[in-house]
N, C-alpha and C. Protein backbone atom coordinates (compact mmCIF):
# COMPACT_ATOMS: atom_id res chain seq x y z
N MET A 1 -1.12 -12.31 7.31
CA MET A 1 -2.10 -12.85 6.40
C MET A 1 -1.36 -13.35 5.17
N GLU A 2 -1.51 -14.63 4.86
CA GLU A 2 -0.77 -15.11 3.70
C GLU A 2 -1.48 -16.21 2.94
N SER A 3 -1.08 -16.33 1.72
CA SER A 3 -1.42 -17.47 0.90
C SER A 3 -0.07 -17.97 0.41
N GLU A 4 -0.07 -18.98 -0.43
CA GLU A 4 1.21 -19.47 -0.92
C GLU A 4 1.93 -18.44 -1.78
N ARG A 5 1.15 -17.59 -2.45
CA ARG A 5 1.74 -16.65 -3.40
C ARG A 5 1.79 -15.21 -2.91
N PHE A 6 1.18 -14.93 -1.77
CA PHE A 6 1.06 -13.54 -1.34
C PHE A 6 1.05 -13.45 0.18
N ALA A 7 1.69 -12.43 0.70
CA ALA A 7 1.67 -12.19 2.14
C ALA A 7 1.60 -10.69 2.42
N VAL A 8 0.92 -10.35 3.50
CA VAL A 8 0.86 -8.98 3.98
C VAL A 8 1.35 -9.00 5.42
N THR A 9 2.34 -8.18 5.71
CA THR A 9 2.79 -8.03 7.09
C THR A 9 2.67 -6.57 7.47
N SER A 10 2.40 -6.33 8.75
CA SER A 10 2.27 -4.95 9.19
C SER A 10 3.26 -4.66 10.30
N ALA A 11 3.68 -3.42 10.35
CA ALA A 11 4.60 -2.96 11.38
C ALA A 11 4.22 -1.53 11.74
N PRO A 12 4.34 -1.18 13.01
CA PRO A 12 4.04 0.20 13.38
C PRO A 12 5.05 1.15 12.76
N GLY A 13 4.58 2.33 12.42
CA GLY A 13 5.46 3.37 11.90
C GLY A 13 6.20 4.04 13.05
N PRO A 14 6.89 5.12 12.74
CA PRO A 14 7.73 5.79 13.74
C PRO A 14 6.94 6.56 14.80
N ARG A 15 5.63 6.71 14.56
CA ARG A 15 4.82 7.38 15.57
C ARG A 15 3.41 6.80 15.54
N PRO A 16 2.63 7.02 16.59
CA PRO A 16 1.26 6.48 16.63
C PRO A 16 0.44 6.96 15.44
N GLY A 17 -0.44 6.08 14.96
CA GLY A 17 -1.30 6.42 13.84
C GLY A 17 -0.71 6.10 12.49
N VAL A 18 0.54 5.62 12.48
CA VAL A 18 1.22 5.29 11.22
C VAL A 18 1.50 3.80 11.20
N VAL A 19 1.19 3.16 10.07
CA VAL A 19 1.46 1.74 9.91
C VAL A 19 2.09 1.50 8.54
N VAL A 20 2.99 0.54 8.49
CA VAL A 20 3.60 0.14 7.23
C VAL A 20 3.10 -1.27 6.92
N LEU A 21 2.44 -1.43 5.78
CA LEU A 21 2.01 -2.74 5.31
C LEU A 21 2.97 -3.17 4.20
N SER A 22 3.63 -4.30 4.40
CA SER A 22 4.57 -4.81 3.40
C SER A 22 3.90 -5.94 2.62
N LEU A 23 3.91 -5.81 1.30
CA LEU A 23 3.30 -6.80 0.41
C LEU A 23 4.39 -7.63 -0.24
N THR A 24 4.17 -8.93 -0.26
CA THR A 24 5.14 -9.85 -0.86
C THR A 24 4.42 -10.80 -1.79
N GLY A 25 4.95 -10.98 -2.99
CA GLY A 25 4.39 -11.97 -3.92
C GLY A 25 3.53 -11.37 -4.99
N GLU A 26 2.37 -12.02 -5.23
CA GLU A 26 1.48 -11.65 -6.31
C GLU A 26 0.11 -11.24 -5.77
N LEU A 27 -0.27 -10.01 -6.05
CA LEU A 27 -1.56 -9.48 -5.62
C LEU A 27 -2.52 -9.59 -6.79
N ASP A 28 -3.51 -10.46 -6.66
CA ASP A 28 -4.47 -10.66 -7.74
C ASP A 28 -5.82 -11.07 -7.17
N HIS A 29 -6.71 -11.47 -8.04
CA HIS A 29 -8.08 -11.85 -7.64
C HIS A 29 -8.08 -12.89 -6.52
N ASP A 30 -7.19 -13.84 -6.58
CA ASP A 30 -7.16 -14.93 -5.60
C ASP A 30 -6.53 -14.54 -4.27
N THR A 31 -5.75 -13.47 -4.24
CA THR A 31 -5.02 -13.12 -3.02
C THR A 31 -5.45 -11.78 -2.42
N ALA A 32 -6.32 -11.05 -3.11
CA ALA A 32 -6.68 -9.70 -2.68
C ALA A 32 -7.39 -9.65 -1.33
N ASP A 33 -8.07 -10.72 -0.93
CA ASP A 33 -8.78 -10.70 0.35
C ASP A 33 -7.83 -10.52 1.53
N ALA A 34 -6.62 -11.04 1.42
CA ALA A 34 -5.64 -10.86 2.50
C ALA A 34 -5.30 -9.39 2.67
N LEU A 35 -5.15 -8.67 1.57
CA LEU A 35 -4.87 -7.24 1.64
C LEU A 35 -6.09 -6.49 2.16
N ARG A 36 -7.28 -6.84 1.67
CA ARG A 36 -8.51 -6.19 2.14
C ARG A 36 -8.63 -6.32 3.65
N SER A 37 -8.38 -7.51 4.15
CA SER A 37 -8.47 -7.77 5.58
C SER A 37 -7.46 -6.95 6.37
N ALA A 38 -6.24 -6.88 5.90
CA ALA A 38 -5.20 -6.10 6.59
C ALA A 38 -5.56 -4.61 6.59
N LEU A 39 -6.08 -4.13 5.47
CA LEU A 39 -6.46 -2.72 5.39
C LEU A 39 -7.62 -2.41 6.32
N ARG A 40 -8.58 -3.35 6.44
CA ARG A 40 -9.69 -3.16 7.37
C ARG A 40 -9.18 -3.07 8.80
N GLN A 41 -8.21 -3.91 9.12
CA GLN A 41 -7.63 -3.93 10.47
C GLN A 41 -7.05 -2.56 10.83
N TRP A 42 -6.50 -1.87 9.86
CA TRP A 42 -5.85 -0.58 10.12
C TRP A 42 -6.72 0.60 9.72
N SER A 43 -7.99 0.35 9.48
CA SER A 43 -8.92 1.43 9.17
C SER A 43 -8.88 2.46 10.29
N GLY A 44 -8.82 3.71 9.92
CA GLY A 44 -8.76 4.76 10.92
C GLY A 44 -7.35 5.24 11.22
N ALA A 45 -6.35 4.54 10.68
CA ALA A 45 -4.97 4.99 10.88
C ALA A 45 -4.79 6.34 10.18
N GLU A 46 -3.94 7.16 10.74
CA GLU A 46 -3.66 8.47 10.14
C GLU A 46 -2.94 8.32 8.81
N ARG A 47 -2.05 7.33 8.74
CA ARG A 47 -1.27 7.11 7.52
C ARG A 47 -0.97 5.63 7.37
N ILE A 48 -1.33 5.09 6.22
CA ILE A 48 -0.98 3.72 5.87
C ILE A 48 0.01 3.81 4.72
N LEU A 49 1.19 3.29 4.95
CA LEU A 49 2.22 3.26 3.92
C LEU A 49 2.33 1.82 3.42
N VAL A 50 2.05 1.61 2.15
CA VAL A 50 2.07 0.27 1.57
C VAL A 50 3.41 0.08 0.87
N ASP A 51 4.21 -0.83 1.42
CA ASP A 51 5.53 -1.13 0.87
C ASP A 51 5.39 -2.20 -0.20
N CYS A 52 5.65 -1.83 -1.44
CA CYS A 52 5.48 -2.73 -2.59
C CYS A 52 6.81 -3.29 -3.09
N HIS A 53 7.88 -3.09 -2.34
CA HIS A 53 9.21 -3.51 -2.79
C HIS A 53 9.27 -4.98 -3.18
N ASP A 54 8.58 -5.84 -2.43
CA ASP A 54 8.60 -7.28 -2.71
C ASP A 54 7.35 -7.77 -3.42
N LEU A 55 6.59 -6.83 -3.98
CA LEU A 55 5.41 -7.18 -4.74
C LEU A 55 5.82 -7.36 -6.20
N GLY A 56 5.70 -8.56 -6.70
CA GLY A 56 6.14 -8.86 -8.06
C GLY A 56 5.08 -8.69 -9.12
N PHE A 57 3.80 -8.68 -8.69
CA PHE A 57 2.70 -8.61 -9.65
C PHE A 57 1.48 -8.01 -8.98
N CYS A 58 0.74 -7.21 -9.71
CA CYS A 58 -0.53 -6.65 -9.23
C CYS A 58 -1.48 -6.58 -10.41
N ASP A 59 -2.65 -7.22 -10.27
CA ASP A 59 -3.63 -7.13 -11.35
C ASP A 59 -4.68 -6.08 -11.02
N SER A 60 -5.71 -5.99 -11.83
CA SER A 60 -6.73 -4.95 -11.64
C SER A 60 -7.48 -5.11 -10.32
N THR A 61 -7.64 -6.33 -9.84
CA THR A 61 -8.32 -6.53 -8.55
C THR A 61 -7.49 -5.93 -7.43
N GLY A 62 -6.20 -6.20 -7.43
CA GLY A 62 -5.32 -5.64 -6.41
C GLY A 62 -5.28 -4.12 -6.48
N LEU A 63 -5.21 -3.60 -7.68
CA LEU A 63 -5.22 -2.16 -7.87
C LEU A 63 -6.50 -1.55 -7.32
N ASN A 64 -7.62 -2.19 -7.60
CA ASN A 64 -8.91 -1.71 -7.13
C ASN A 64 -8.98 -1.71 -5.60
N VAL A 65 -8.43 -2.73 -4.95
CA VAL A 65 -8.40 -2.78 -3.48
C VAL A 65 -7.63 -1.58 -2.94
N LEU A 66 -6.50 -1.28 -3.54
CA LEU A 66 -5.70 -0.14 -3.09
C LEU A 66 -6.41 1.19 -3.33
N LEU A 67 -7.05 1.32 -4.48
CA LEU A 67 -7.78 2.56 -4.78
C LEU A 67 -8.94 2.76 -3.81
N GLN A 68 -9.69 1.70 -3.53
CA GLN A 68 -10.80 1.80 -2.58
C GLN A 68 -10.29 2.14 -1.18
N ALA A 69 -9.18 1.52 -0.78
CA ALA A 69 -8.61 1.79 0.54
C ALA A 69 -8.13 3.23 0.64
N ARG A 70 -7.59 3.75 -0.44
CA ARG A 70 -7.16 5.15 -0.46
C ARG A 70 -8.35 6.08 -0.24
N LEU A 71 -9.45 5.82 -0.95
CA LEU A 71 -10.65 6.65 -0.79
C LEU A 71 -11.19 6.55 0.64
N HIS A 72 -11.22 5.35 1.18
CA HIS A 72 -11.70 5.14 2.54
C HIS A 72 -10.83 5.91 3.54
N ALA A 73 -9.52 5.84 3.36
CA ALA A 73 -8.60 6.57 4.25
C ALA A 73 -8.86 8.07 4.17
N LEU A 74 -9.04 8.58 2.96
CA LEU A 74 -9.32 10.01 2.80
C LEU A 74 -10.62 10.41 3.49
N GLU A 75 -11.64 9.56 3.37
CA GLU A 75 -12.92 9.84 4.02
C GLU A 75 -12.77 9.92 5.53
N GLU A 76 -11.82 9.16 6.08
CA GLU A 76 -11.60 9.14 7.53
C GLU A 76 -10.53 10.14 7.97
N GLY A 77 -10.07 10.97 7.05
CA GLY A 77 -9.08 11.97 7.40
C GLY A 77 -7.65 11.47 7.39
N GLY A 78 -7.44 10.30 6.82
CA GLY A 78 -6.09 9.74 6.75
C GLY A 78 -5.58 9.72 5.33
N ARG A 79 -4.54 8.94 5.12
CA ARG A 79 -3.99 8.81 3.77
C ARG A 79 -3.37 7.44 3.59
N LEU A 80 -3.35 6.99 2.36
CA LEU A 80 -2.72 5.74 1.99
C LEU A 80 -1.71 6.07 0.90
N GLU A 81 -0.47 5.71 1.14
CA GLU A 81 0.61 6.01 0.20
C GLU A 81 1.37 4.74 -0.14
N LEU A 82 2.11 4.80 -1.23
CA LEU A 82 2.86 3.63 -1.72
C LEU A 82 4.35 3.91 -1.70
N ALA A 83 5.12 2.84 -1.55
CA ALA A 83 6.57 2.95 -1.61
C ALA A 83 7.13 1.73 -2.33
N GLY A 84 8.23 1.95 -3.04
CA GLY A 84 8.99 0.84 -3.61
C GLY A 84 8.35 0.11 -4.77
N LEU A 85 7.64 0.83 -5.63
CA LEU A 85 7.03 0.16 -6.79
C LEU A 85 8.13 -0.35 -7.72
N ARG A 86 8.12 -1.64 -7.98
CA ARG A 86 9.06 -2.23 -8.93
C ARG A 86 8.49 -2.12 -10.33
N PRO A 87 9.35 -2.18 -11.36
CA PRO A 87 8.89 -1.94 -12.74
C PRO A 87 7.60 -2.65 -13.18
N PRO A 88 7.43 -3.96 -12.94
CA PRO A 88 6.18 -4.57 -13.45
C PRO A 88 4.93 -3.99 -12.78
N VAL A 89 5.02 -3.70 -11.50
CA VAL A 89 3.88 -3.15 -10.77
C VAL A 89 3.72 -1.67 -11.10
N ALA A 90 4.83 -0.94 -11.17
CA ALA A 90 4.78 0.48 -11.51
C ALA A 90 4.12 0.67 -12.87
N ARG A 91 4.40 -0.22 -13.80
CA ARG A 91 3.83 -0.11 -15.15
C ARG A 91 2.31 -0.21 -15.10
N MET A 92 1.80 -1.12 -14.29
CA MET A 92 0.34 -1.27 -14.13
C MET A 92 -0.27 0.04 -13.63
N PHE A 93 0.38 0.66 -12.66
CA PHE A 93 -0.11 1.92 -12.11
C PHE A 93 -0.05 3.05 -13.15
N GLU A 94 1.00 3.05 -13.97
CA GLU A 94 1.15 4.08 -15.00
C GLU A 94 0.14 3.91 -16.13
N ILE A 95 -0.01 2.69 -16.61
CA ILE A 95 -0.93 2.41 -17.72
C ILE A 95 -2.36 2.78 -17.36
N THR A 96 -2.76 2.49 -16.13
CA THR A 96 -4.14 2.74 -15.71
C THR A 96 -4.38 4.17 -15.27
N GLY A 97 -3.31 4.93 -15.07
CA GLY A 97 -3.46 6.29 -14.58
C GLY A 97 -3.52 6.38 -13.06
N ALA A 98 -3.52 5.24 -12.40
CA ALA A 98 -3.62 5.22 -10.93
C ALA A 98 -2.39 5.83 -10.28
N ARG A 99 -1.29 5.85 -10.97
CA ARG A 99 -0.05 6.41 -10.42
C ARG A 99 -0.24 7.88 -10.03
N THR A 100 -1.11 8.57 -10.73
CA THR A 100 -1.30 10.00 -10.46
C THR A 100 -2.12 10.27 -9.20
N VAL A 101 -2.87 9.29 -8.71
CA VAL A 101 -3.70 9.53 -7.53
C VAL A 101 -3.01 9.15 -6.22
N PHE A 102 -1.95 8.38 -6.30
CA PHE A 102 -1.22 7.96 -5.10
C PHE A 102 0.04 8.81 -4.92
N ARG A 103 0.38 9.08 -3.69
CA ARG A 103 1.71 9.61 -3.38
C ARG A 103 2.62 8.39 -3.37
N VAL A 104 3.68 8.40 -4.18
CA VAL A 104 4.57 7.25 -4.30
C VAL A 104 5.99 7.67 -3.96
N TYR A 105 6.61 6.89 -3.09
CA TYR A 105 7.99 7.12 -2.67
C TYR A 105 8.89 6.04 -3.25
N GLU A 106 10.17 6.36 -3.39
CA GLU A 106 11.15 5.37 -3.87
C GLU A 106 11.20 4.15 -2.95
N ASN A 107 11.17 4.40 -1.64
CA ASN A 107 11.25 3.31 -0.66
C ASN A 107 10.65 3.77 0.66
N VAL A 108 10.50 2.86 1.59
CA VAL A 108 9.90 3.16 2.88
C VAL A 108 10.74 4.16 3.66
N ALA A 109 12.06 4.01 3.60
CA ALA A 109 12.94 4.93 4.34
C ALA A 109 12.71 6.37 3.90
N GLU A 110 12.60 6.58 2.58
CA GLU A 110 12.34 7.94 2.07
C GLU A 110 11.01 8.46 2.59
N ALA A 111 9.98 7.62 2.55
CA ALA A 111 8.64 8.04 2.99
C ALA A 111 8.65 8.40 4.47
N LEU A 112 9.31 7.61 5.28
CA LEU A 112 9.33 7.87 6.72
C LEU A 112 10.23 9.05 7.07
N THR A 113 11.28 9.26 6.31
CA THR A 113 12.14 10.41 6.52
C THR A 113 11.37 11.69 6.22
N GLU A 114 10.65 11.68 5.12
CA GLU A 114 9.86 12.86 4.76
C GLU A 114 8.82 13.16 5.82
N GLN A 115 8.23 12.11 6.36
CA GLN A 115 7.21 12.31 7.40
C GLN A 115 7.83 12.99 8.63
N ARG A 116 9.00 12.53 9.05
CA ARG A 116 9.65 13.13 10.23
C ARG A 116 10.02 14.58 9.96
N ALA A 117 10.28 14.89 8.70
CA ALA A 117 10.64 16.26 8.34
C ALA A 117 9.41 17.15 8.21
N GLY A 118 8.24 16.55 8.46
CA GLY A 118 7.00 17.32 8.42
C GLY A 118 6.24 17.18 7.12
N GLY A 119 6.61 16.18 6.29
CA GLY A 119 5.95 16.03 5.00
C GLY A 119 4.65 15.35 5.04
């Protein structure tokens, strides 16, 4: 799913029920529907890991999509976690307080390693 400024790609995780969504570009009001659609596609997954390493910008609309998806995952017995927050995006999460509600990993490798270790 892509626009000129934003793309979402998905890849299976190391075991069934796990998916990694990689975000690239700018997540904002104009591009949030691509993320919403990808998250809907993976509704019911045990774990959705959102890789933000290539996400350069996230506004309140993008943040809201992620927060809603996290709540939906919890309601279905799953979880939505983040990895690779870069400074401009991390700052948005810190300023709004959203950083405290997400499990955040340094990178996808760390998140998947912890999962294999039983985390």
